[in-house]
Protein backbone atom coordinates (compact mmCIF):
# COMPACT_ATOMS: atom_id res chain seq x y z
CA UNK A 1 -33.94 -0.09 -20.61
CA UNK A 2 -37.10 -0.75 -18.68
CA UNK A 3 -39.11 -3.97 -18.99
CA UNK A 4 -42.62 -5.20 -18.94
CA UNK A 5 -43.51 -8.54 -17.30
CA UNK A 6 -45.83 -10.04 -19.88
CA UNK A 7 -47.92 -12.76 -18.18
CA UNK A 8 -48.22 -15.82 -20.81
CA UNK A 9 -45.02 -9.75 -14.12
CA UNK A 10 -40.28 -1.20 -17.08
CA UNK A 11 -38.01 -4.40 -15.71
CA UNK A 12 -38.95 -7.95 -16.14
CA UNK A 13 -42.58 -8.37 -15.49
CA UNK A 14 -44.81 -12.06 -16.94
CA UNK A 15 -47.23 -13.68 -19.56
CA UNK A 16 -49.23 -16.84 -19.44
CA UNK A 17 -50.34 -18.75 -22.47
CA UNK A 18 -51.75 -22.24 -22.85
CA UNK A 19 -51.67 -24.39 -25.91
CA UNK A 20 -50.43 -23.70 -29.39
CA UNK A 21 -52.49 -20.50 -29.87
CA UNK A 22 -51.33 -19.20 -26.52
CA UNK A 23 -47.72 -19.67 -27.58
CA UNK A 24 -48.29 -17.72 -30.74
CA UNK A 25 -50.22 -14.83 -29.09
CA UNK A 26 -47.68 -14.70 -26.25
CA UNK A 27 -44.76 -14.58 -28.60
CA UNK A 28 -46.42 -11.70 -30.48
CA UNK A 29 -46.79 -9.76 -27.24
CA UNK A 30 -43.14 -10.45 -26.25
CA UNK A 31 -41.93 -9.30 -29.69
CA UNK A 32 -43.89 -6.03 -29.55
CA UNK A 33 -42.61 -5.34 -25.96
CA UNK A 34 -39.04 -5.85 -27.14
CA UNK A 35 -39.72 -3.80 -30.25
CA UNK A 36 -40.69 -0.91 -27.92
CA UNK A 37 -37.35 -1.17 -26.23
CA UNK A 38 -38.24 -3.00 -23.05
CA UNK A 39 -37.29 -6.28 -21.40
CA UNK A 40 -39.78 -9.04 -20.89
CA UNK A 41 -39.91 -12.07 -18.60
CA UNK A 42 -42.26 -14.84 -19.73
CA UNK A 43 -44.13 -16.93 -17.15
CA UNK A 44 -45.78 -19.85 -18.93
CA UNK A 45 -47.40 -22.39 -16.63
CA UNK A 46 -46.63 -25.19 -19.14
CA UNK A 47 -42.90 -24.38 -18.66
CA UNK A 48 -42.74 -23.28 -15.05
CA UNK A 49 -45.23 -25.86 -13.94
CA UNK A 50 -46.59 -24.25 -10.78
CA UNK A 51 -47.77 -27.00 -8.50
CA UNK A 52 -51.45 -27.08 -7.43
CA UNK A 53 -51.69 -24.41 -4.79
CA UNK A 54 -51.75 -25.72 -1.23
CA UNK A 55 -50.72 -22.56 0.59
CA UNK A 56 -49.77 -19.12 -0.77
CA UNK A 57 -46.38 -17.90 0.20
CA UNK A 58 -47.69 -15.30 2.65
CA UNK A 59 -49.55 -17.97 4.57
CA UNK A 60 -46.56 -20.23 5.20
CA UNK A 61 -45.70 -19.77 8.88
CA UNK A 62 -42.16 -21.27 8.81
CA UNK A 63 -40.44 -19.13 6.22
CA UNK A 64 -37.50 -21.47 6.15
CA UNK A 65 -39.70 -24.05 4.40
CA UNK A 66 -40.50 -21.71 1.48
CA UNK A 67 -39.17 -23.25 -1.73
CA UNK A 68 -36.27 -21.31 -3.32
CA UNK A 69 -38.09 -21.14 -6.67
CA UNK A 70 -41.13 -19.49 -5.01
CA UNK A 71 -38.91 -16.87 -3.37
CA UNK A 72 -37.13 -16.14 -6.65
CA UNK A 73 -40.46 -15.77 -8.50
CA UNK A 74 -41.81 -13.48 -5.75
CA UNK A 75 -38.75 -11.23 -6.03
CA UNK A 76 -39.14 -11.15 -9.75
CA UNK A 77 -42.72 -9.97 -9.41
CA UNK A 78 -41.75 -7.30 -6.94
CA UNK A 79 -39.04 -5.96 -9.28
CA UNK A 80 -41.42 -5.72 -12.23
CA UNK A 81 -42.59 -2.31 -13.35
CA UNK A 82 -45.66 -3.71 -15.06
CA UNK A 83 -47.46 -6.78 -16.19
CA UNK A 84 -49.17 -8.16 -19.27
CA UNK A 85 -51.50 -11.14 -19.15
CA UNK A 86 -52.35 -13.23 -22.20
CA UNK A 87 -55.10 -15.80 -21.70
CA UNK A 88 -57.64 -17.90 -23.38
CA UNK A 89 -61.18 -18.46 -22.23
CA UNK A 90 -62.04 -21.83 -20.72
CA UNK A 91 -65.76 -22.63 -20.38
CA UNK A 92 -66.54 -18.90 -20.12
CA UNK A 93 -63.96 -18.50 -17.32
CA UNK A 94 -60.27 -17.95 -16.56
CA UNK A 95 -57.96 -20.95 -17.10
CA UNK A 96 -57.23 -22.65 -13.77
CA UNK A 97 -53.50 -22.62 -14.54
CA UNK A 98 -53.49 -18.83 -14.67
CA UNK A 99 -55.32 -18.30 -11.36
CA UNK A 100 -53.29 -21.04 -9.70
CA UNK A 101 -50.09 -19.28 -10.69
CA UNK A 102 -51.17 -15.85 -9.51
CA UNK A 103 -52.61 -17.13 -6.23
CA UNK A 104 -49.18 -18.45 -5.09
CA UNK A 105 -48.20 -14.82 -4.26
CA UNK A 106 -49.63 -12.01 -2.10
CA UNK A 107 -51.43 -8.96 -3.57
CA UNK A 108 -48.51 -6.87 -2.28
CA UNK A 109 -46.22 -8.52 -4.89
CA UNK A 110 -48.41 -6.97 -7.64
CA UNK A 111 -49.81 -3.82 -6.09
CA UNK A 112 -49.37 -0.31 -7.62
CA UNK A 113 -48.33 -1.57 -11.05
CA UNK A 114 -50.18 -1.46 -14.35
CA UNK A 115 -51.49 -4.54 -16.15
CA UNK A 116 -52.49 -4.95 -19.76
CA UNK A 117 -54.85 -7.76 -20.72
CA UNK A 118 -54.89 -9.82 -23.95
CA UNK A 119 -57.55 -12.52 -24.47
CA UNK A 120 -58.12 -14.79 -27.38
CA UNK A 121 -60.53 -17.51 -28.58
CA UNK A 122 -61.29 -19.48 -31.69
CA UNK A 123 -64.80 -18.09 -31.57
CA UNK A 124 -66.18 -14.63 -32.29
CA UNK A 125 -65.98 -13.33 -28.74
CA UNK A 126 -62.23 -13.14 -28.50
CA UNK A 127 -62.38 -14.10 -24.76
CA UNK A 128 -64.42 -11.03 -23.80
CA UNK A 129 -66.10 -12.81 -20.89
CA UNK A 130 -62.81 -13.69 -19.23
CA UNK A 131 -61.57 -10.08 -19.62
CA UNK A 132 -64.06 -8.79 -17.14
CA UNK A 133 -63.37 -11.63 -14.66
CA UNK A 134 -59.68 -10.98 -14.94
CA UNK A 135 -60.14 -7.23 -14.40
CA UNK A 136 -62.03 -7.89 -11.15
CA UNK A 137 -59.29 -10.22 -9.90
CA UNK A 138 -56.29 -8.04 -10.71
CA UNK A 139 -57.99 -4.89 -9.47
CA UNK A 140 -58.60 -6.64 -6.14
CA UNK A 141 -54.92 -7.54 -6.07
CA UNK A 142 -54.04 -3.88 -6.40
CA UNK A 143 -53.04 -3.64 -10.03
CA UNK A 144 -54.21 -0.87 -12.38
CA UNK A 145 -55.76 -2.16 -15.65
CA UNK A 146 -54.86 -0.03 -18.61
CA UNK A 147 -57.73 1.08 -20.82
CA UNK A 148 -56.43 -0.60 -24.02
CA UNK A 149 -57.28 -4.26 -23.82
CA UNK A 150 -56.78 -6.68 -26.73
CA UNK A 151 -59.35 -9.28 -27.74
CA UNK A 152 -58.40 -11.62 -30.55
CA UNK A 153 -61.28 -13.55 -32.11
CA UNK A 154 -60.94 -16.46 -34.45
CA UNK A 155 -57.32 -16.69 -33.38
CA UNK A 156 -56.80 -19.78 -35.64
CA UNK A 157 -57.11 -17.39 -38.62
CA UNK A 158 -54.79 -14.67 -37.32
CA UNK A 159 -51.35 -16.39 -37.77
CA UNK A 160 -49.57 -17.74 -40.81
CA UNK A 161 -47.82 -21.03 -41.19
CA UNK A 162 -44.64 -19.45 -39.72
CA UNK A 163 -46.55 -18.43 -36.59
CA UNK A 164 -46.38 -14.71 -37.50
CA UNK A 165 -49.49 -12.57 -36.96
CA UNK A 166 -51.12 -11.77 -40.29
CA UNK A 167 -53.37 -9.03 -38.91
CA UNK A 168 -51.91 -5.58 -38.91
CA UNK A 169 -54.92 -4.41 -36.80
CA UNK A 170 -54.05 -6.82 -33.99
CA UNK A 171 -50.40 -5.76 -34.06
CA UNK A 172 -51.59 -2.15 -33.79
CA UNK A 173 -53.86 -2.98 -30.81
CA UNK A 174 -51.03 -4.81 -29.07
CA UNK A 175 -48.67 -1.90 -29.58
CA UNK A 176 -51.28 0.52 -28.21
CA UNK A 177 -51.71 -1.65 -25.10
CA UNK A 178 -47.95 -1.90 -24.55
CA UNK A 179 -47.54 1.85 -24.96
CA UNK A 180 -50.27 2.53 -22.43
CA UNK A 181 -48.79 0.00 -19.97
CA UNK A 182 -45.40 1.72 -20.27
CA UNK A 183 -47.04 5.15 -19.84
CA UNK A 184 -48.89 4.00 -16.69
CA UNK A 185 -45.75 2.31 -15.31
CA UNK A 186 -43.67 5.42 -15.77
CA UNK A 187 -46.40 7.69 -14.29
CA UNK A 188 -46.78 5.46 -11.23
CA UNK A 189 -43.03 5.17 -10.71
CA UNK A 190 -42.64 8.94 -10.99
CA UNK A 191 -45.43 9.51 -8.41
CA UNK A 192 -44.07 6.91 -6.02
CA UNK A 193 -40.60 8.52 -6.20
CA UNK A 194 -42.07 11.99 -5.50
CA UNK A 195 -44.70 11.05 -2.97
CA UNK A 196 -44.15 7.48 -1.78
CA UNK A 197 -46.85 4.87 -1.50
CA UNK A 198 -50.26 5.56 0.07
CA UNK A 199 -50.52 4.74 3.79
CA UNK A 200 -52.12 1.39 4.68
């Protein structure tokens, strides 16, 4: 089966979540991706612990000094058919851990793949301010944002004591986003197979 890289990059793609609510939202996304019949690779900066960026991989002159873990992660990105990003909103902006993780790799590692965006907050906005910032960033990196984004407001009221989502509406929104990401991934793969990539 194909896979989506839920970012918490069908083949494994990645998701990035921070804190207890990020864990819950990210797990919901991963479950819905698997429920749709796809594989998912989870990139959580709390678990992977990307170091503070000193130099992105494409800027390292002596390629023999590139850490093995970075090469392996880059390959995983390049093999992904799509990406899903799950993020909170920190002071009306993207969390530094998320941008630090993405900036380790060149845009070419992400380009010509779809990305679905899920944001959440304990307030009423559901992270809507960070959605637009993230769209600008990933578009500049060459990804295609799918129309169906998910914004989860008052996230602290959306999960039960067993960490399961208690909102059928949110589950429906996540499923719609996953379905769109898969559709775009398949459409792009079919077009690349038939016509190749656009010339630089």
